[in-house]
Protein backbone atom coordinates (compact mmCIF):
# COMPACT_ATOMS: atom_id res chain seq x y z
CA MET A 1 159.04 14.61 140.92
CA HIS A 2 160.22 13.37 144.29
CA ALA A 3 163.78 14.32 143.50
CA HIS A 4 162.73 17.83 142.60
CA ARG A 5 160.81 18.15 145.85
CA ARG A 6 163.78 17.00 147.92
CA THR A 7 166.04 19.43 146.12
CA ARG A 8 163.71 22.34 146.84
CA ASN A 9 163.28 21.44 150.47
CA ALA A 10 167.00 21.09 150.87
CA ARG A 11 167.77 24.56 149.54
CA PRO A 12 169.78 26.59 152.08
CA TYR A 13 168.65 29.94 153.56
CA PRO A 14 167.69 32.45 152.23
CA TYR A 15 164.31 31.33 151.07
CA PRO A 16 163.14 32.52 147.65
CA TYR A 17 160.70 34.87 149.36
CA PRO A 18 162.13 37.84 151.20
CA THR A 19 162.24 37.84 154.96
CA PRO A 20 161.61 41.06 157.01
CA HIS A 21 165.38 41.69 157.16
CA GLU A 22 165.62 41.67 153.35
CA HIS A 23 163.10 44.44 152.64
CA HIS A 24 164.55 47.70 151.39
CA PRO A 25 162.80 50.78 149.98
CA LEU A 26 164.76 50.47 146.76
CA HIS A 27 163.89 46.76 146.34
CA PRO A 28 160.37 46.15 147.65
CA HIS A 29 159.99 42.91 145.66
CA PRO A 30 163.33 41.06 145.38
CA HIS A 31 163.66 38.58 142.54
CA PRO A 32 163.63 34.96 143.76
CA ARG A 33 166.25 33.91 141.22
CA HIS A 34 169.03 36.09 142.73
CA PRO A 35 169.12 35.45 146.49
CA ALA A 36 172.86 35.84 147.02
CA PRO A 37 173.14 39.53 145.98
CA LEU A 38 170.08 40.28 148.11
CA VAL A 39 171.75 38.88 151.22
CA GLY A 40 174.82 40.98 150.57
CA GLY A 41 172.72 44.13 150.10
CA ALA A 42 170.78 43.50 153.30
CA ALA A 43 173.99 42.93 155.26
CA ALA A 44 175.48 46.13 153.89
CA LEU A 45 172.32 48.00 154.91
CA VAL A 46 172.53 46.67 158.48
CA VAL A 47 176.19 47.68 158.70
CA ALA A 48 175.36 51.16 157.41
CA LEU A 49 172.61 51.58 160.01
CA LEU A 50 174.91 50.42 162.79
CA ALA A 51 177.58 52.86 161.64
CA THR A 52 175.39 55.94 161.20
CA GLY A 53 172.03 55.46 162.85
CA CYS A 54 173.14 54.81 166.41
CA ASP A 55 174.71 58.23 166.77
CA SER A 56 171.87 60.22 165.22
CA ALA A 57 168.84 58.46 166.68
CA PRO A 58 169.30 59.60 170.31
CA GLY A 59 169.77 63.19 169.18
CA ALA A 60 166.56 63.13 167.19
CA THR A 61 164.66 61.66 170.12
CA THR A 62 166.09 64.23 172.53
CA GLY A 63 165.14 67.11 170.24
CA ALA A 64 161.54 65.92 170.05
CA ALA A 65 161.44 65.56 173.85
CA ASP A 66 162.84 69.07 174.33
CA ASP A 67 160.14 70.56 172.11
CA ALA A 68 157.47 68.93 174.27
CA ALA A 69 159.27 69.42 177.60
CA PHE A 70 157.09 72.33 178.76
CA SER A 71 153.53 73.25 177.92
CA THR A 72 151.53 75.07 180.60
CA VAL A 73 151.68 75.67 184.37
CA ARG A 74 149.20 77.71 186.39
CA PHE A 75 149.68 79.11 189.91
CA GLU A 76 146.54 80.09 191.82
CA LEU A 77 146.66 81.82 195.18
CA GLY A 78 144.75 84.21 197.38
CA PRO A 79 145.91 86.90 199.81
CA ARG A 80 146.38 84.22 202.48
CA GLY A 81 148.30 81.79 200.32
CA GLY A 82 146.69 78.42 199.67
CA ILE A 83 148.78 78.04 196.50
CA GLN A 84 147.65 75.49 193.92
CA VAL A 85 149.78 74.37 190.97
CA SER A 86 148.08 72.84 187.94
CA GLY A 87 148.64 72.34 184.23
CA ALA A 88 150.10 69.77 181.88
CA SER A 89 153.70 70.56 182.94
CA ARG A 90 153.21 70.80 186.70
CA ASP A 91 155.89 68.12 187.11
CA ALA A 92 158.41 70.75 185.97
CA VAL A 93 157.74 72.79 189.13
CA ALA A 94 159.78 72.30 192.30
CA PRO A 95 159.29 74.14 195.63
CA ALA A 96 162.09 76.58 196.52
CA GLY A 97 161.08 77.51 200.06
CA ALA A 98 159.05 80.14 201.89
CA HIS A 99 160.40 83.06 203.94
CA PRO A 100 158.91 86.10 205.71
CA ALA A 101 159.30 89.34 203.80
CA SER A 102 160.44 91.40 206.75
CA ALA A 103 159.92 95.16 206.45
CA ASP A 104 158.32 94.51 203.05
CA ARG A 105 161.74 93.61 201.65
CA ALA A 106 162.15 90.91 199.04
CA HIS A 107 163.83 87.68 200.10
CA VAL A 108 166.82 86.64 198.00
CA PHE A 109 166.18 83.12 196.71
CA ASP A 110 168.81 81.01 194.98
CA ARG A 111 168.05 80.49 191.30
CA PRO A 112 170.08 77.78 189.52
CA ASP A 113 171.15 78.46 185.95
CA GLY A 114 168.56 77.43 183.41
CA ARG A 115 165.60 77.69 185.80
CA LEU A 116 162.79 80.21 186.13
CA LEU A 117 162.14 81.49 189.65
CA VAL A 118 158.52 82.30 190.56
CA VAL A 119 158.05 84.22 193.83
CA LEU A 120 154.51 84.65 195.20
CA ARG A 121 154.01 87.22 197.97
CA HIS A 122 151.04 86.76 200.30
CA TRP A 123 149.99 87.03 203.93
CA PRO A 124 150.57 83.93 206.10
CA GLU A 125 147.77 81.47 206.73
CA PRO A 126 145.97 82.44 209.96
CA VAL A 127 146.56 80.06 212.84
CA VAL A 128 143.09 80.57 214.28
CA GLU A 129 139.83 81.54 212.69
CA ARG A 130 139.32 85.28 212.98
CA ALA A 131 135.98 87.00 213.15
CA SER A 132 137.03 89.49 210.48
CA ARG A 133 138.43 86.89 208.09
CA GLY A 134 135.38 86.88 205.87
CA ARG A 135 135.28 90.64 205.48
CA ALA A 136 136.53 92.21 202.27
CA SER A 137 139.28 94.27 203.83
CA ARG A 138 142.41 95.55 202.07
CA LEU A 139 144.14 96.55 205.30
CA PRO A 140 147.26 94.46 205.92
CA PRO A 141 147.59 92.64 209.26
CA LEU A 142 149.87 95.01 211.14
CA ASP A 143 151.16 92.30 213.48
CA GLU A 144 152.37 90.00 210.69
CA ALA A 145 154.99 90.05 207.96
CA ALA A 146 154.17 89.02 204.42
CA VAL A 147 155.45 85.66 203.20
CA GLU A 148 157.23 84.95 199.94
CA THR A 149 156.77 81.42 198.60
CA ALA A 150 159.04 80.47 195.71
CA PHE A 151 159.07 77.80 193.01
CA LEU A 152 161.67 76.78 190.44
CA VAL A 153 160.30 75.96 186.99
CA ASP A 154 162.23 74.05 184.36
CA THR A 155 160.85 75.65 181.20
CA ALA A 156 163.74 74.70 178.84
CA ASN A 157 162.76 77.59 176.57
CA TRP A 158 160.96 80.92 176.49
CA VAL A 159 157.54 81.04 178.12
CA ARG A 160 154.91 83.76 178.29
CA ALA A 161 153.66 84.90 181.68
CA ASP A 162 149.96 85.85 181.92
CA LEU A 163 148.42 87.45 185.00
CA ASP A 164 144.71 86.77 185.37
CA GLY A 165 144.46 86.11 181.66
CA HIS A 166 146.45 89.16 180.51
CA PRO A 167 149.96 88.89 179.02
CA LEU A 168 152.83 90.35 181.05
CA ARG A 169 156.11 89.41 179.39
CA TRP A 170 158.27 86.62 178.01
CA LEU A 171 160.59 84.88 180.47
CA ARG A 172 163.55 82.56 180.43
CA ARG A 173 166.16 82.00 183.16
CA ASP A 174 164.67 84.94 185.03
CA THR A 175 162.68 85.84 188.14
CA ILE A 176 159.06 86.95 188.32
CA ARG A 177 157.34 88.17 191.50
CA ILE A 178 153.59 88.37 192.06
CA ASP A 179 152.11 90.29 195.01
CA THR A 180 148.67 89.41 196.39
CA THR A 181 148.88 91.24 199.72
CA ASN A 182 146.49 93.94 198.50
CA VAL A 183 143.90 91.54 197.12
CA VAL A 184 140.41 91.39 198.59
CA THR A 185 139.77 88.42 200.88
CA GLY A 186 138.33 85.52 198.90
CA ASP A 187 139.73 86.73 195.58
CA THR A 188 142.14 84.57 193.56
CA THR A 189 145.17 85.58 191.50
CA ARG A 190 146.28 83.36 188.61
CA LEU A 191 149.75 83.35 187.08
CA THR A 192 150.01 81.20 183.94
CA LEU A 193 153.25 80.19 182.23
CA SER A 194 152.77 78.85 178.70
CA ALA A 195 155.29 77.74 176.12
CA PRO A 196 155.17 79.05 172.55
CA HIS A 197 152.90 77.10 170.25
CA GLY A 198 152.56 76.95 166.49
CA GLY A 199 156.30 77.18 165.83
CA ARG A 200 156.85 80.45 167.71
CA TYR A 201 160.01 80.60 169.81
CA GLY A 202 159.15 83.36 172.24
CA GLN A 203 160.10 87.00 172.35
CA PRO A 204 163.30 87.80 174.25
CA THR A 205 163.16 90.77 176.60
CA PRO A 206 166.13 93.00 177.41
CA ALA A 207 168.19 92.22 180.46
CA ALA A 208 167.07 93.80 183.71
CA GLY A 209 168.42 97.30 184.18
CA SER A 210 171.33 98.56 182.13
CA ARG A 211 175.10 98.92 182.39
CA SER A 212 174.62 101.85 184.71
CA CYS A 213 172.85 99.49 187.15
CA GLU A 214 175.79 97.11 187.43
CA GLY A 215 177.70 97.20 190.70
CA LEU A 216 175.06 99.10 192.67
CA ASP A 217 174.86 98.33 196.37
CA GLU A 218 171.65 96.37 197.01
CA HIS A 219 171.60 97.39 200.68
CA THR A 220 171.98 101.15 200.36
CA ALA A 221 169.16 103.55 199.54
CA ARG A 222 169.69 105.51 196.35
CA ASP A 223 168.05 108.22 194.28
CA ALA A 224 165.74 107.36 191.41
CA VAL A 225 163.71 109.52 189.07
CA LEU A 226 160.01 108.82 189.37
CA PRO A 227 159.00 107.70 185.87
CA GLU A 228 156.00 109.12 184.11
CA VAL A 229 153.27 106.49 184.15
CA GLU A 230 149.79 106.97 182.79
CA ALA A 231 146.86 104.68 183.45
CA GLY A 232 146.30 102.41 180.47
CA ALA A 233 149.97 102.29 179.41
CA PRO A 234 151.32 98.98 178.01
CA VAL A 235 153.10 96.75 180.50
CA ALA A 236 156.24 96.48 178.36
CA ASP A 237 156.66 100.27 178.13
CA VAL A 238 156.33 100.84 181.87
CA LEU A 239 158.63 97.90 182.63
CA ALA A 240 161.35 99.47 180.47
CA ARG A 241 161.02 102.80 182.33
CA LEU A 242 161.32 101.10 185.71
CA ARG A 243 164.33 99.07 184.63
CA LYS A 244 166.01 102.22 183.45
CA GLN A 245 165.87 103.41 187.06
CA CYS A 246 167.44 100.10 188.22
CA LEU A 247 164.28 99.10 190.07
CA ASP A 248 163.31 95.52 190.82
CA VAL A 249 159.72 94.93 189.69
CA GLN A 250 156.92 92.75 190.97
CA TYR A 251 153.38 92.51 189.59
CA ALA A 252 149.92 92.73 191.11
CA SER A 253 146.46 92.42 189.59
CA LEU A 254 143.48 94.47 190.80
CA PRO A 255 140.24 95.84 189.39
CA GLY A 256 140.78 99.36 188.12
CA SER A 257 139.66 102.08 185.77
CA ALA A 258 142.25 101.32 183.09
CA ARG A 259 141.65 98.91 180.24
CA PRO A 260 142.15 95.30 181.43
CA GLY A 261 145.66 94.07 180.78
CA THR A 262 147.23 97.55 180.94
CA VAL A 263 148.98 99.34 183.80
CA GLU A 264 146.70 100.85 186.42
CA ARG A 265 149.51 102.38 188.48
CA VAL A 266 153.03 101.83 189.80
CA LEU A 267 154.10 101.91 193.45
CA VAL A 268 157.73 102.92 193.89
CA PRO A 269 159.21 102.01 197.32
CA PHE A 270 160.21 105.00 199.39
CA ALA A 271 163.23 104.56 201.69
CA GLY A 272 163.03 105.24 205.40
CA ARG A 273 159.40 104.28 205.93
CA ARG A 274 158.00 100.77 205.97
CA ASP A 275 155.22 100.12 203.43
CA ALA A 276 155.55 103.68 202.09
CA HIS A 277 155.35 104.13 198.31
CA VAL A 278 155.15 106.85 195.73
CA ALA A 279 152.23 106.22 193.40
CA ALA A 280 152.35 106.97 189.68
CA PRO A 281 150.10 108.30 188.33
CA PRO A 282 149.17 110.35 191.41
CA GLY A 283 146.02 109.48 193.29
CA GLY A 284 144.86 107.23 196.08
CA SER A 285 145.51 107.18 199.79
CA ILE A 286 149.01 105.67 199.59
CA GLU A 287 150.53 108.52 197.61
CA LEU A 288 153.20 110.64 199.24
CA PRO A 289 152.50 114.35 198.65
CA GLY A 290 154.73 116.55 196.57
CA ARG A 291 156.07 113.82 194.29
CA ALA A 292 155.27 114.02 190.61
CA ALA A 293 156.71 112.38 187.53
CA GLY A 294 160.31 113.50 187.04
CA SER A 295 160.89 114.05 190.75
CA THR A 296 163.88 112.44 192.43
CA VAL A 297 162.94 110.06 195.23
CA LEU A 298 165.01 108.03 197.65
CA VAL A 299 164.23 104.36 197.06
CA ASP A 300 164.99 101.20 198.99
CA PRO A 301 166.51 98.71 196.51
CA ARG A 302 165.61 95.78 198.79
CA ARG A 303 161.92 96.47 198.21
CA PRO A 304 160.59 95.89 194.69
CA ALA A 305 158.44 98.39 192.86
CA THR A 306 154.93 97.09 192.21
CA MET A 307 153.29 97.33 188.80
CA VAL A 308 149.53 97.06 189.23
CA VAL A 309 147.83 95.58 186.16
CA ALA A 310 144.11 96.23 185.70
CA ARG A 311 141.85 93.20 185.52
């Protein structure tokens, strides 16, 4: 009896019962009478994992991280700036500077490859409190130039841009401009960027302009045909018409008579006069007379056309 006990206690490793290193899906309960083949199988499994698993594991982890790299970012601002950035992916947003938009012309920001550039146009913060600040006035301050504040967003994939809760377009490695200079004092504009959910991968949009737009001088006024725009038209349709005329486009959101989320009107920049636009469809105090859809107008390519979306 004592001899048998000494023999059992003196048995070398492995023990008759499997250790954590000896478990395998194909052998959940190894037989205690055959320890030697089990050790060989476990060693072969470890070698196989070292040979194949080390190369594939980082890739799998990176893919899962990429899928969750971007969720939602929201920009909130008023006509006087005061920009707030919120959302689960706000860490993906980096400031890209702020510059005056002299003569209502767009500032050219650098956009690295793979990033989304968000440009927010607003009036500068007043240095002193003005008596008329609390009034709901749409008149621009004539002694000041608008400011464009930019942000770079690392989206890693397609995202959908919503303006005040209404979808605009899908974006990736692109630029989007939002204008709040015509917003009533105290009002807030919200631009939301959200990644596809539920397995959707976004909806690519055609490249800006066309082949006929390539090589055009960005500093020389040129002719453009005023597109036909009707109140209530879808944003995507009007955007395609403006791109066909090689126009840069920015967006604005205002209360209007059209159905919320559709185009209220488009303001096409007219060359030679600061802050002068041709409105389509006709109407309003900012329209230049004698210009209807299909007319040829002289546009300033350094000033973006503004698509006003109804709230």
